[in-house]
Amino acid sequence: MPRLLASPALLMLLAACSGGDTEVKVADDPPEITVISPLEGASFDPLVAVQFCLSVSDNSPDDTMRLVAQSSVDGTIWSHDIDTEPVACEGGNFGFEATLSDDDHGITFTVTDPADQVGTATLNLLRTDNSAPFCEVLTPLDAEAFEAGTVVAFSAHAEDAEESAEELTAVLQSDVEGELYSGSPDSAGSVNTSLTALTPGYHALTLTITDPRGLVGACATTIYMNDCTDWDNDGFTTCNDDCDDDDDTVYPGAEDIIDGKDNDCDGITDEGAPYVDDDGDGYAETDGDCNDGDTSINPGEVETYYDGVDVDCDELSDYDADQDGFDSSDYGGTDCDDTDAAIYPAAPDAWYDGVDSNCAGDDDFDADTDGFDSADYGGDDCDDTDATINLDAAENWYDGIDQDCDALSDYDRDGDGYDYDLYGGDDCDDGDVAINPLGTETPYDGIDQDCTGADWTDVDGDSYDSDIVGGSDCDDDDAAINIDATETWYDGVDQDCAGDDDYDQDKDSYVHDAYGGSDCDDEDIAINPAATDDWYDGIDANCDDWSDYDQDLDGHDSDA
C-alpha cells in the first residue's frame, strides 16, 4: 500500500501541537484524529460532494501515514491507495471530498502510521429530506377518442418540492407504442409534446417524472384511436358515431323503431316504448319514470322542493316538503314551517314550547291571547289562562283576584301595605294611603289616621279631650292641665281650666296687689277695693290702707 508523505505544513502543525502538551507523545503512540467538518449529525445533499476536514497528529519520526474513510452504506469512500493526496483545510490538515449515496451514513476514519499504530474517529451524516415528484395529465382527457391519424396534443404539469422543474426527467410511454417522449419540463413545470401516427385502438399513456435523487412520480390517461371503418356501407364510419358498423339499419339519425336495436345510436334501444328507459336514467315509464325524456327525473332522485318539478315522481305537491298535506306559506300555501310535519294549520298547539304548531301566528307564550306573555316564561301575565287578567286590566278590588298583575294585595286598594279591615285587615280607610295603623295622626281633624278607632282629641293623654273639639281640656299639649288638676296660683297658668284669673285666687274680680292688682287679701273674697269696711274689726276690708280704728280718717285711732 502506498505511504502518505506528510507535507511541510503538516510537520509544522504537528510540532506546534506537541509544543504545548503536558504529556509528550512517543513514537509508538497511535495517531490522533479530530473531525473538523462536517459536524456530527449534519445533513448532506446526495447530489453534492461532501467536503471533509480532519485534524491528524502523530509524533512518529516517519512522515508517512495512510488514511482510509469508510461509509456504513457505500464502503470505502476515500483512501490513499486509490485517491489523490489530501489537502489542507480550514482548521485541519487532511481535507478531501466524497459523494455519498442517498441514505444516512456512519463514517469511520482510520489513520495508520509507519509503526502500524492506528487512530480512528467516527461521524454520522443524515441525508436531506426528499419527496417524490408530482405530475398531472392535462390533455388528452381520460377515455377521450380520436380518429386514426389525428395528431394528439399531450400536456401535463410536473413539480417537485425540493428541485426546480428543469432538473426533473420526464418520460412518456404508451403500453402499445413504448416510449413516446423523453425530456425535462420547462421552468413552469409544463410537459408538452405531439403524438403522431398512433396505431388504432386503446393506448394507456403513462408519464413518469424522476428527480435527480431517483424518486419517481407518475400520472396516466387512456385514449382510443378510432380507425374509422364503414363495413356496413350505411354511409357512417365508426368515426361518425356509427354505433354498429355491421348493421346498415343502425347509424346516427336512423329512424328508431321497436326492434331491440339502438337504430339512431343515441344510446337508447327501442326508445318510446313504455318499458324502455328512453332517457337512460335507469327507469322506464313502467318503472314509474314520470318524465322519460329527462334523466334528472325518476323515482330514484331526491326531491328538490319548491321548483315546481316532481323530480322523484311521487305525485306529491312540490311545495309540501314535510308532506303534512299543506303547502309552504312561502309559496302561496298555509304551512308556516314546511320542514316539520307536526306544524300545519289546525294542528294541536302545545303552549309554551316556542312552536306555533297550528300556524295561527299567535304568541306561543300568551295562551289567553290578551297580548301579554306568561310570567312563567319571561312575560308579565300572572294568569295566562284568563284574558281579563294582565297588566292593562282594571283591578276589581276585594274579589281575591289580582287583575292587573301588580302582585299587590287585592284587599289593599290604597297600596299602603295594610289590608282593609272589612276583609280581615286593619286599615280603617282603604281609600286613603295616609290612613293605616302606622299613619301619622292629625289631632282635631275628625279623621282617625292611625286607625285607633277615633280621632286624636286628647293629645296630652290626660283623659280630657281638647276644648277645641268640645272637650274641657284648655291646654291639650300639657297633661298637667285639665279640669281635675290642682290650680297653682300666680304662675300664669290655668291648671284646672276654670277660666279664672290666675292672679285672683279669691275670685272677687280683683287681682292680688302683689301681682300688680289692688286686692290686699286675695284669699278672702270679702276683702277687695269694693268691699264695705267694718270698722274696728281689725280688717282692712276695702283695701284702702287706712287704719280700721280711724273711721273719721283724721289720722287718729279711736280711743275706744
Protein backbone atom coordinates (compact mmCIF):
# COMPACT_ATOMS: atom_id res chain seq x y z
CA MET A 1 0.00 0.00 0.00
CA PRO A 2 1.47 3.42 -0.89
CA ARG A 3 2.50 5.53 2.07
CA LEU A 4 1.43 9.12 2.64
CA LEU A 5 4.21 11.68 2.98
CA ALA A 6 3.26 14.40 5.38
CA SER A 7 3.57 17.85 3.89
CA PRO A 8 5.83 20.52 5.49
CA ALA A 9 2.67 22.25 6.68
CA LEU A 10 1.59 19.05 8.43
CA LEU A 11 5.02 18.75 10.12
CA MET A 12 4.81 22.35 11.32
CA LEU A 13 1.27 21.76 12.66
CA LEU A 14 2.37 18.61 14.49
CA ALA A 15 5.33 20.42 16.00
CA ALA A 16 3.15 23.30 17.13
CA CYS A 17 0.56 20.95 18.68
CA SER A 18 3.20 18.91 20.54
CA GLY A 19 4.91 22.01 21.93
CA GLY A 20 2.04 22.80 24.28
CA ASP A 21 1.30 19.24 25.50
CA THR A 22 1.89 18.48 29.14
CA GLU A 23 2.40 14.81 28.16
CA VAL A 24 5.00 14.14 25.44
CA LYS A 25 3.91 11.63 22.80
CA VAL A 26 6.32 8.85 21.91
CA ALA A 27 6.93 7.21 18.58
CA ASP A 28 4.74 4.23 19.38
CA ASP A 29 1.65 6.31 20.25
CA PRO A 30 -1.18 5.90 17.73
CA PRO A 31 -2.21 8.88 15.59
CA GLU A 32 -4.98 11.16 16.89
CA ILE A 33 -7.88 12.18 14.60
CA THR A 34 -10.32 15.04 15.14
CA VAL A 35 -13.17 15.60 12.67
CA ILE A 36 -13.35 19.36 12.00
CA SER A 37 -16.19 19.21 9.47
CA PRO A 38 -18.89 18.20 8.78
CA LEU A 39 -20.27 18.31 12.32
CA GLU A 40 -21.74 15.22 13.96
CA GLY A 41 -25.32 14.58 12.73
CA ALA A 42 -25.10 17.17 9.94
CA SER A 43 -27.29 16.85 6.83
CA PHE A 44 -25.91 16.45 3.33
CA ASP A 45 -27.25 16.59 -0.21
CA PRO A 46 -26.58 13.28 -2.04
CA LEU A 47 -26.21 15.26 -5.28
CA VAL A 48 -23.31 17.35 -3.93
CA ALA A 49 -19.90 16.07 -2.87
CA VAL A 50 -19.34 16.30 0.88
CA GLN A 51 -16.23 18.28 1.97
CA PHE A 52 -14.41 16.52 4.81
CA CYS A 53 -11.81 18.23 7.01
CA LEU A 54 -9.75 16.26 9.61
CA SER A 55 -7.02 17.23 12.02
CA VAL A 56 -4.46 14.35 12.22
CA SER A 57 -1.49 14.41 14.59
CA ASP A 58 1.25 11.85 15.26
CA ASN A 59 4.80 12.00 16.78
CA SER A 60 6.23 9.24 14.67
CA PRO A 61 9.52 10.26 13.07
CA ASP A 62 8.29 8.65 9.88
CA ASP A 63 6.36 11.21 7.90
CA THR A 64 4.18 8.75 6.05
CA MET A 65 0.68 7.88 7.22
CA ARG A 66 -2.22 6.14 5.49
CA LEU A 67 -5.86 7.42 5.69
CA VAL A 68 -8.96 5.35 4.88
CA ALA A 69 -12.57 6.70 5.16
CA GLN A 70 -15.35 4.09 5.13
CA SER A 71 -19.15 4.51 4.93
CA SER A 72 -21.64 2.15 6.55
CA VAL A 73 -23.55 2.27 3.25
CA ASP A 74 -21.02 2.86 0.45
CA GLY A 75 -17.93 1.12 1.87
CA THR A 76 -14.59 2.89 1.23
CA ILE A 77 -15.27 6.44 0.11
CA TRP A 78 -11.61 7.71 0.22
CA SER A 79 -8.22 6.02 0.56
CA HIS A 80 -4.60 6.89 -0.11
CA ASP A 81 -4.46 3.72 -2.15
CA ILE A 82 -6.93 4.97 -4.76
CA ASP A 83 -7.31 8.74 -4.24
CA THR A 84 -5.11 11.81 -4.58
CA GLU A 85 -3.27 13.39 -1.71
CA PRO A 86 -5.45 15.18 0.86
CA VAL A 87 -5.22 18.96 1.01
CA ALA A 88 -5.03 21.38 3.88
CA CYS A 89 -8.44 22.63 5.08
CA GLU A 90 -9.62 25.33 7.44
CA GLY A 91 -8.92 24.13 10.98
CA GLY A 92 -7.30 20.85 9.83
CA ASN A 93 -4.59 19.27 7.71
CA PHE A 94 -6.40 16.42 5.92
CA GLY A 95 -9.07 17.66 3.52
CA PHE A 96 -10.87 15.65 0.85
CA GLU A 97 -14.30 15.30 -0.75
CA ALA A 98 -16.54 12.32 -1.49
CA THR A 99 -20.02 11.81 -2.93
CA LEU A 100 -22.37 9.74 -0.74
CA SER A 101 -25.34 7.67 -1.83
CA ASP A 102 -28.91 8.77 -0.93
CA ASP A 103 -29.06 7.35 2.61
CA ASP A 104 -27.93 8.08 6.18
CA HIS A 105 -24.25 7.24 6.69
CA GLY A 106 -21.93 6.34 9.53
CA ILE A 107 -18.37 7.32 8.52
CA THR A 108 -15.25 5.75 10.11
CA PHE A 109 -11.86 7.44 9.58
CA THR A 110 -8.75 5.26 10.12
CA VAL A 111 -5.13 6.59 10.09
CA THR A 112 -2.21 4.19 10.26
CA ASP A 113 1.33 5.45 10.98
CA PRO A 114 4.57 3.76 9.85
CA ALA A 115 4.68 1.79 13.06
CA ASP A 116 1.23 0.40 12.20
CA GLN A 117 -0.30 2.29 15.09
CA VAL A 118 -3.92 3.06 14.25
CA GLY A 119 -6.08 6.05 15.18
CA THR A 120 -9.81 6.23 14.42
CA ALA A 121 -12.70 8.70 14.50
CA THR A 122 -16.36 8.37 13.57
CA LEU A 123 -19.01 10.69 12.14
CA ASN A 124 -22.74 10.27 11.43
CA LEU A 125 -24.30 12.15 8.50
CA LEU A 126 -28.00 12.41 7.60
CA ARG A 127 -29.29 12.86 4.09
CA THR A 128 -31.59 15.83 3.45
CA ASP A 129 -35.33 15.10 3.15
CA ASN A 130 -36.67 14.37 -0.30
CA SER A 131 -40.18 13.75 -1.60
CA ALA A 132 -41.26 12.21 -4.87
CA PRO A 133 -42.21 14.48 -7.79
CA PHE A 134 -45.87 15.12 -8.66
CA CYS A 135 -47.49 15.23 -12.06
CA GLU A 136 -50.95 15.68 -13.59
CA VAL A 137 -52.07 14.98 -17.18
CA LEU A 138 -53.97 17.98 -18.57
CA THR A 139 -54.67 16.69 -22.11
CA PRO A 140 -55.91 14.43 -23.54
CA LEU A 141 -58.78 13.67 -21.17
CA ASP A 142 -59.10 10.16 -19.84
CA ALA A 143 -61.09 7.88 -22.24
CA GLU A 144 -61.04 10.56 -24.97
CA ALA A 145 -61.34 9.19 -28.56
CA PHE A 146 -59.58 10.40 -31.69
CA GLU A 147 -59.77 9.42 -35.33
CA ALA A 148 -56.83 7.38 -36.50
CA GLY A 149 -54.09 9.62 -37.91
CA THR A 150 -55.02 12.55 -35.66
CA VAL A 151 -52.10 14.35 -34.02
CA VAL A 152 -52.85 14.20 -30.31
CA ALA A 153 -51.59 17.11 -28.21
CA PHE A 154 -50.23 15.87 -24.90
CA SER A 155 -49.70 18.28 -21.98
CA ALA A 156 -49.01 17.74 -18.31
CA HIS A 157 -47.76 19.63 -15.28
CA ALA A 158 -44.89 18.39 -13.08
CA GLU A 159 -43.36 19.76 -9.89
CA ASP A 160 -41.07 18.77 -7.05
CA ALA A 161 -40.89 20.16 -3.52
CA GLU A 162 -37.07 20.18 -3.42
CA GLU A 163 -35.90 20.58 -7.01
CA SER A 164 -36.68 23.03 -9.81
CA ALA A 165 -38.78 21.69 -12.68
CA GLU A 166 -35.89 21.83 -15.19
CA GLU A 167 -33.91 19.34 -13.08
CA LEU A 168 -36.64 16.69 -13.39
CA THR A 169 -36.68 14.00 -16.10
CA ALA A 170 -39.96 13.28 -17.91
CA VAL A 171 -40.64 10.08 -19.90
CA LEU A 172 -43.99 9.40 -21.66
CA GLN A 173 -44.78 5.80 -22.62
CA SER A 174 -47.65 4.00 -24.34
CA ASP A 175 -48.47 0.43 -23.41
CA VAL A 176 -48.71 -0.17 -27.17
CA GLU A 177 -46.05 2.04 -28.77
CA GLY A 178 -43.47 2.14 -25.96
CA GLU A 179 -41.57 5.38 -25.29
CA LEU A 180 -43.16 8.41 -26.97
CA TYR A 181 -41.23 11.26 -25.34
CA SER A 182 -38.22 11.90 -23.10
CA GLY A 183 -37.03 15.28 -21.79
CA SER A 184 -37.46 17.75 -18.97
CA PRO A 185 -40.32 20.06 -18.00
CA ASP A 186 -39.84 23.77 -18.64
CA SER A 187 -39.29 26.22 -15.79
CA ALA A 188 -43.05 26.36 -15.14
CA GLY A 189 -43.26 22.58 -14.91
CA SER A 190 -45.02 22.10 -18.25
CA VAL A 191 -44.51 18.95 -20.32
CA ASN A 192 -45.78 19.34 -23.91
CA THR A 193 -45.44 17.04 -26.92
CA SER A 194 -47.40 15.99 -30.01
CA LEU A 195 -48.28 12.33 -30.51
CA THR A 196 -48.41 11.24 -34.17
CA ALA A 197 -49.07 8.00 -36.01
CA LEU A 198 -50.57 6.21 -33.04
CA THR A 199 -51.92 2.81 -34.02
CA PRO A 200 -55.71 2.30 -33.84
CA GLY A 201 -57.03 1.00 -30.56
CA TYR A 202 -56.64 1.85 -26.90
CA HIS A 203 -53.46 3.41 -25.51
CA ALA A 204 -52.62 3.66 -21.83
CA LEU A 205 -50.31 6.67 -21.63
CA THR A 206 -48.08 6.97 -18.54
CA LEU A 207 -45.89 9.98 -17.76
CA THR A 208 -43.03 9.22 -15.35
CA ILE A 209 -41.25 12.09 -13.57
CA THR A 210 -37.89 11.34 -11.91
CA ASP A 211 -35.99 13.76 -9.67
CA PRO A 212 -32.17 13.91 -9.55
CA ARG A 213 -32.15 11.69 -6.48
CA GLY A 214 -34.08 8.96 -8.25
CA LEU A 215 -37.53 9.34 -6.69
CA VAL A 216 -40.36 8.82 -9.18
CA GLY A 217 -43.86 10.22 -9.60
CA ALA A 218 -46.30 9.12 -12.29
CA CYS A 219 -49.63 10.11 -13.84
CA ALA A 220 -51.66 8.47 -16.62
CA THR A 221 -54.54 8.77 -19.06
CA THR A 222 -56.17 6.44 -21.60
CA ILE A 223 -57.16 7.33 -25.18
CA TYR A 224 -58.78 5.49 -28.05
CA MET A 225 -57.62 5.82 -31.67
CA ASN A 226 -60.55 5.01 -33.98
CA ASP A 227 -59.64 3.64 -37.45
CA CYS A 228 -62.96 4.96 -38.94
CA THR A 229 -64.39 1.90 -40.78
CA ASP A 230 -67.79 1.63 -42.60
CA TRP A 231 -68.18 -2.12 -43.03
CA ASP A 232 -71.95 -2.00 -43.38
CA ASN A 233 -71.83 0.70 -46.11
CA ASP A 234 -74.51 2.80 -44.46
CA GLY A 235 -72.52 5.99 -45.08
CA PHE A 236 -71.37 6.37 -41.46
CA THR A 237 -67.98 5.29 -40.18
CA THR A 238 -67.15 4.48 -36.61
CA CYS A 239 -65.64 7.95 -36.51
CA ASN A 240 -69.06 9.39 -37.44
CA ASP A 241 -70.65 7.79 -34.36
CA ASP A 242 -71.91 4.62 -36.12
CA CYS A 243 -72.59 2.52 -33.04
CA ASP A 244 -72.94 -0.78 -35.02
CA ASP A 245 -70.78 -0.91 -38.13
CA ASP A 246 -72.12 -4.38 -39.01
CA ASP A 247 -75.79 -3.27 -39.35
CA ASP A 248 -76.80 -0.81 -42.06
CA THR A 249 -80.05 -0.02 -40.20
CA VAL A 250 -78.09 1.37 -37.32
CA TYR A 251 -76.44 4.78 -37.68
CA PRO A 252 -76.87 8.33 -36.34
CA GLY A 253 -80.19 9.80 -37.47
CA ALA A 254 -81.82 6.50 -38.44
CA GLU A 255 -85.49 6.06 -37.58
CA ASP A 256 -85.74 4.39 -34.20
CA ILE A 257 -88.18 1.50 -34.28
CA ILE A 258 -89.01 -1.06 -31.64
CA ASP A 259 -86.75 -3.85 -32.83
CA GLY A 260 -84.36 -4.37 -29.96
CA LYS A 261 -81.76 -2.08 -31.58
CA ASP A 262 -80.49 1.43 -30.93
CA ASN A 263 -81.23 2.47 -34.51
CA ASP A 264 -80.24 6.13 -34.14
CA CYS A 265 -77.17 5.48 -31.97
CA ASP A 266 -78.37 7.76 -29.17
CA GLY A 267 -77.67 5.12 -26.54
CA ILE A 268 -81.33 4.10 -26.14
CA THR A 269 -82.81 0.91 -27.54
CA ASP A 270 -86.47 0.94 -28.66
CA GLU A 271 -86.99 4.41 -27.28
CA GLY A 272 -90.61 5.45 -26.95
CA ALA A 273 -91.76 2.09 -25.67
CA PRO A 274 -93.12 2.34 -22.12
CA TYR A 275 -90.84 -0.42 -20.95
CA VAL A 276 -87.76 1.29 -22.40
CA ASP A 277 -85.67 3.73 -20.41
CA ASP A 278 -85.59 6.43 -23.07
CA ASP A 279 -83.52 8.94 -21.11
CA GLY A 280 -81.06 6.36 -19.76
CA ASP A 281 -81.61 7.17 -16.10
CA GLY A 282 -82.28 3.54 -15.17
CA TYR A 283 -86.10 3.88 -15.05
CA ALA A 284 -88.67 3.26 -17.78
CA GLU A 285 -92.25 4.54 -17.67
CA THR A 286 -93.32 1.13 -16.39
CA ASP A 287 -90.83 1.63 -13.55
CA GLY A 288 -92.54 4.84 -12.52
CA ASP A 289 -90.49 7.35 -14.52
CA CYS A 290 -92.90 10.26 -14.88
CA ASN A 291 -90.68 12.03 -17.46
CA ASP A 292 -88.67 9.54 -19.52
CA GLY A 293 -87.14 12.33 -21.53
CA ASP A 294 -85.26 13.85 -18.61
CA THR A 295 -82.50 11.94 -16.83
CA SER A 296 -82.88 14.11 -13.72
CA ILE A 297 -86.48 12.96 -13.19
CA ASN A 298 -87.17 9.42 -11.96
CA PRO A 299 -88.24 7.55 -8.79
CA GLY A 300 -84.66 7.27 -7.62
CA GLU A 301 -84.00 11.00 -7.48
CA VAL A 302 -84.00 13.06 -4.29
CA GLU A 303 -86.78 15.62 -4.49
CA THR A 304 -85.75 19.24 -4.79
CA TYR A 305 -88.68 21.11 -3.33
CA TYR A 306 -90.19 24.41 -4.42
CA ASP A 307 -89.00 24.28 -8.06
CA GLY A 308 -92.32 23.08 -9.45
CA VAL A 309 -90.85 19.80 -10.71
CA ASP A 310 -91.83 16.39 -9.32
CA VAL A 311 -88.26 15.06 -9.52
CA ASP A 312 -88.89 11.78 -7.66
CA CYS A 313 -92.22 11.08 -9.42
CA ASP A 314 -94.13 10.62 -6.14
CA GLU A 315 -97.01 12.82 -7.43
CA LEU A 316 -96.99 14.80 -4.16
CA SER A 317 -97.01 18.58 -4.04
CA ASP A 318 -93.60 20.08 -4.73
CA TYR A 319 -94.42 22.81 -2.23
CA ASP A 320 -95.10 20.48 0.70
CA ALA A 321 -91.63 19.37 1.80
CA ASP A 322 -92.75 17.90 5.12
CA GLN A 323 -95.66 16.08 3.40
CA ASP A 324 -98.19 17.09 6.01
CA GLY A 325 -100.76 17.93 3.34
CA PHE A 326 -100.21 21.70 3.49
CA ASP A 327 -98.10 23.74 1.06
CA SER A 328 -95.43 26.10 2.37
CA SER A 329 -96.62 29.60 3.20
CA ASP A 330 -93.54 30.88 1.34
CA TYR A 331 -95.10 29.57 -1.87
CA GLY A 332 -98.75 30.53 -1.50
CA GLY A 333 -99.68 27.82 0.99
CA THR A 334 -100.59 27.96 4.68
CA ASP A 335 -97.89 25.82 6.31
CA CYS A 336 -95.77 28.18 8.42
CA ASP A 337 -92.99 25.57 8.85
CA ASP A 338 -92.68 23.21 5.89
CA THR A 339 -89.75 21.36 7.47
CA ASP A 340 -91.85 19.87 10.30
CA ALA A 341 -94.84 17.61 9.57
CA ALA A 342 -96.26 18.33 13.04
CA ILE A 343 -96.72 22.01 12.19
CA TYR A 344 -99.66 22.97 9.95
CA PRO A 345 -103.00 24.83 10.20
CA ALA A 346 -105.36 23.21 12.74
CA ALA A 347 -102.57 21.10 14.27
CA PRO A 348 -102.79 20.69 18.06
CA ASP A 349 -100.81 23.56 19.58
CA ALA A 350 -98.91 22.93 22.80
CA TRP A 351 -98.45 26.24 24.55
CA TYR A 352 -95.12 27.43 25.90
CA ASP A 353 -92.89 25.22 23.72
CA GLY A 354 -91.90 28.08 21.42
CA VAL A 355 -93.55 26.42 18.42
CA ASP A 356 -96.57 27.82 16.57
CA SER A 357 -97.85 24.32 15.76
CA ASN A 358 -101.18 25.44 14.28
CA CYS A 359 -99.71 28.32 12.26
CA ALA A 360 -102.16 30.73 13.87
CA GLY A 361 -99.48 33.35 14.26
CA ASP A 362 -100.19 33.64 17.98
CA ASP A 363 -97.53 34.22 20.58
CA ASP A 364 -96.81 30.73 21.94
CA PHE A 365 -96.30 32.17 25.42
CA ASP A 366 -99.66 34.01 25.52
CA ALA A 367 -102.24 31.23 25.88
CA ASP A 368 -105.12 33.58 26.77
CA THR A 369 -104.22 35.85 23.78
CA ASP A 370 -104.52 39.01 25.84
CA GLY A 371 -101.29 40.41 24.41
CA PHE A 372 -99.16 39.59 27.44
CA ASP A 373 -96.76 36.61 27.76
CA SER A 374 -96.99 34.28 30.71
CA ALA A 375 -94.94 35.29 33.74
CA ASP A 376 -93.75 31.65 33.93
CA TYR A 377 -91.92 32.14 30.62
CA GLY A 378 -90.34 35.55 30.97
CA GLY A 379 -93.50 37.59 30.46
CA ASP A 380 -95.63 39.56 32.95
CA ASP A 381 -99.08 37.96 32.70
CA CYS A 382 -99.72 36.48 36.15
CA ASP A 383 -102.63 34.32 34.90
CA ASP A 384 -102.21 33.25 31.26
CA THR A 385 -105.46 31.28 31.34
CA ASP A 386 -107.68 34.38 31.77
CA ALA A 387 -107.65 37.15 29.15
CA THR A 388 -109.14 39.60 31.68
CA ILE A 389 -106.05 39.37 33.84
CA ASN A 390 -102.99 41.26 32.60
CA LEU A 391 -101.01 44.44 33.16
CA ASP A 392 -103.56 46.61 31.37
CA ALA A 393 -106.59 45.18 33.16
CA ALA A 394 -108.57 47.34 35.62
CA GLU A 395 -108.28 45.99 39.16
CA ASN A 396 -111.54 44.83 40.77
CA TRP A 397 -110.82 45.28 44.45
CA TYR A 398 -111.72 42.88 47.25
CA ASP A 399 -112.56 39.86 44.99
CA GLY A 400 -109.32 38.00 45.76
CA ILE A 401 -108.07 38.26 42.13
CA ASP A 402 -105.01 40.27 41.05
CA GLN A 403 -106.47 41.50 37.74
CA ASP A 404 -103.64 43.93 36.90
CA CYS A 405 -100.83 41.54 37.89
CA ASP A 406 -99.15 44.04 40.17
CA ALA A 407 -98.64 41.30 42.80
CA LEU A 408 -100.13 43.58 45.47
CA SER A 409 -102.85 42.56 47.94
CA ASP A 410 -106.33 42.70 46.45
CA TYR A 411 -107.52 43.94 49.85
CA ASP A 412 -105.21 46.94 49.95
CA ARG A 413 -106.71 49.34 47.45
CA ASP A 414 -104.78 52.40 48.60
CA GLY A 415 -101.48 50.48 48.43
CA ASP A 416 -100.33 51.49 51.88
CA GLY A 417 -99.37 47.94 52.83
CA TYR A 418 -102.41 47.29 55.05
CA ASP A 419 -105.47 45.28 54.09
CA TYR A 420 -108.93 46.77 54.54
CA ASP A 421 -110.42 45.97 57.97
CA LEU A 422 -113.68 44.95 56.28
CA TYR A 423 -111.76 41.95 54.84
CA GLY A 424 -109.78 40.88 57.86
CA GLY A 425 -107.15 43.59 57.71
CA ASP A 426 -106.50 46.54 59.99
CA ASP A 427 -106.75 49.51 57.56
CA CYS A 428 -109.79 51.54 58.69
CA ASP A 429 -109.90 53.58 55.44
CA ASP A 430 -108.63 51.66 52.37
CA GLY A 431 -109.25 54.62 50.10
CA ASP A 432 -106.60 56.83 51.65
CA VAL A 433 -102.93 55.77 51.64
CA ALA A 434 -102.26 58.10 54.58
CA ILE A 435 -104.71 56.24 56.83
CA ASN A 436 -103.45 52.95 58.31
CA PRO A 437 -102.13 51.62 61.63
CA LEU A 438 -98.85 53.44 61.04
CA GLY A 439 -100.47 56.63 59.77
CA THR A 440 -99.49 59.93 61.34
CA GLU A 441 -102.46 61.16 63.38
CA THR A 442 -103.52 64.78 62.87
CA PRO A 443 -105.39 65.85 66.00
CA TYR A 444 -108.76 67.55 66.00
CA ASP A 445 -109.45 67.00 62.22
CA GLY A 446 -112.14 64.42 62.73
CA ILE A 447 -110.10 61.72 60.93
CA ASP A 448 -108.69 58.59 62.53
CA GLN A 449 -105.40 58.49 60.56
CA ASP A 450 -103.77 55.72 62.65
CA CYS A 451 -106.88 53.56 62.83
CA THR A 452 -107.03 53.51 66.59
CA GLY A 453 -110.79 53.89 66.47
CA ALA A 454 -111.17 57.65 66.89
CA ASP A 455 -109.67 61.00 66.05
CA TRP A 456 -106.89 62.26 68.28
CA THR A 457 -108.68 64.69 70.64
CA ASP A 458 -106.57 64.13 73.74
CA VAL A 459 -103.05 64.90 72.60
CA ASP A 460 -101.54 65.18 76.08
CA GLY A 461 -103.13 61.88 77.16
CA ASP A 462 -104.62 63.25 80.37
CA SER A 463 -108.02 61.65 79.57
CA TYR A 464 -109.60 65.00 78.79
CA ASP A 465 -110.49 65.99 75.21
CA SER A 466 -109.35 69.33 73.96
CA ASP A 467 -111.78 72.21 74.26
CA ILE A 468 -111.12 72.69 70.51
CA VAL A 469 -113.35 69.69 69.79
CA GLY A 470 -115.84 70.38 72.61
CA GLY A 471 -113.86 68.90 75.45
CA SER A 472 -112.86 70.51 78.71
CA ASP A 473 -109.05 70.46 78.38
CA CYS A 474 -107.98 74.05 77.89
CA ASP A 475 -104.38 73.05 77.07
CA ASP A 476 -104.22 69.64 75.27
CA ASP A 477 -100.46 69.81 74.96
CA ASP A 478 -99.88 69.57 78.72
CA ALA A 479 -101.16 66.58 80.72
CA ALA A 480 -100.87 68.61 83.94
CA ILE A 481 -103.58 70.97 82.76
CA ASN A 482 -107.18 69.73 82.91
CA ILE A 483 -110.34 70.29 84.92
CA ASP A 484 -109.18 67.92 87.67
CA ALA A 485 -105.77 69.46 88.04
CA THR A 486 -104.83 71.38 91.19
CA GLU A 487 -104.50 75.06 90.41
CA THR A 488 -101.19 76.68 91.19
CA TRP A 489 -101.97 80.37 91.71
CA TYR A 490 -99.94 83.25 90.45
CA ASP A 491 -97.89 81.24 87.85
CA GLY A 492 -99.83 82.48 84.85
CA VAL A 493 -101.21 79.00 84.07
CA ASP A 494 -104.84 77.98 84.33
CA GLN A 495 -104.14 74.38 85.52
CA ASP A 496 -107.76 73.48 86.29
CA CYS A 497 -109.14 75.03 83.11
CA ALA A 498 -111.62 77.05 85.21
CA GLY A 499 -111.07 80.13 83.14
CA ASP A 500 -110.31 82.23 86.22
CA ASP A 501 -107.71 84.97 86.51
CA ASP A 502 -104.66 83.16 87.91
CA TYR A 503 -103.92 86.28 89.99
CA ASP A 504 -107.38 86.41 91.64
CA GLN A 505 -107.42 83.41 93.94
CA ASP A 506 -110.49 84.50 95.89
CA LYS A 507 -112.30 85.15 92.62
CA ASP A 508 -113.57 88.56 93.77
CA SER A 509 -112.57 90.06 90.43
CA TYR A 510 -109.61 91.92 91.92
CA VAL A 511 -106.02 90.92 91.22
CA HIS A 512 -103.71 90.37 94.12
CA ASP A 513 -101.85 93.58 94.85
CA ALA A 514 -98.63 91.52 94.92
CA TYR A 515 -99.06 90.98 91.15
CA GLY A 516 -99.99 94.49 90.16
CA GLY A 517 -103.59 94.39 91.35
CA SER A 518 -105.45 96.12 94.20
CA ASP A 519 -106.69 93.15 96.25
CA CYS A 520 -104.86 93.38 99.52
CA ASP A 521 -106.01 89.92 100.62
CA ASP A 522 -106.50 87.53 97.65
CA GLU A 523 -107.56 84.63 99.83
CA ASP A 524 -110.74 86.35 101.10
CA ILE A 525 -113.48 87.21 98.66
CA ALA A 526 -114.90 89.74 101.16
CA ILE A 527 -111.75 91.84 101.05
CA ASN A 528 -111.26 93.98 97.94
CA PRO A 529 -111.45 97.67 96.98
CA ALA A 530 -115.25 97.45 96.54
CA ALA A 531 -115.96 95.89 99.91
CA THR A 532 -117.60 97.79 102.77
CA ASP A 533 -115.22 98.12 105.58
CA ASP A 534 -116.48 97.10 109.04
CA TRP A 535 -114.72 99.41 111.44
CA TYR A 536 -112.97 98.36 114.49
CA ASP A 537 -112.72 94.62 113.50
CA GLY A 538 -109.03 94.86 112.63
CA ILE A 539 -109.62 94.02 108.93
CA ASP A 540 -108.97 96.45 106.05
CA ALA A 541 -111.94 95.10 104.12
CA ASN A 542 -111.81 97.73 101.34
CA CYS A 543 -108.02 97.65 100.99
CA ASP A 544 -107.66 101.42 101.36
CA ASP A 545 -104.70 101.01 103.73
CA TRP A 546 -106.38 103.26 106.41
CA SER A 547 -106.43 102.22 110.00
CA ASP A 548 -109.52 100.22 110.81
CA TYR A 549 -109.73 102.20 114.04
CA ASP A 550 -109.80 105.65 112.40
CA GLN A 551 -113.28 105.75 110.97
CA ASP A 552 -113.25 109.55 110.57
CA LEU A 553 -109.99 109.32 108.71
CA ASP A 554 -108.46 112.14 110.73
CA GLY A 555 -105.34 110.24 111.25
CA HIS A 556 -106.05 109.30 114.81
CA ASP A 557 -107.42 105.96 116.02
CA SER A 558 -110.46 105.92 118.23
CA ASP A 559 -109.74 105.98 121.94
CA ALA A 560 -112.27 103.22 122.32
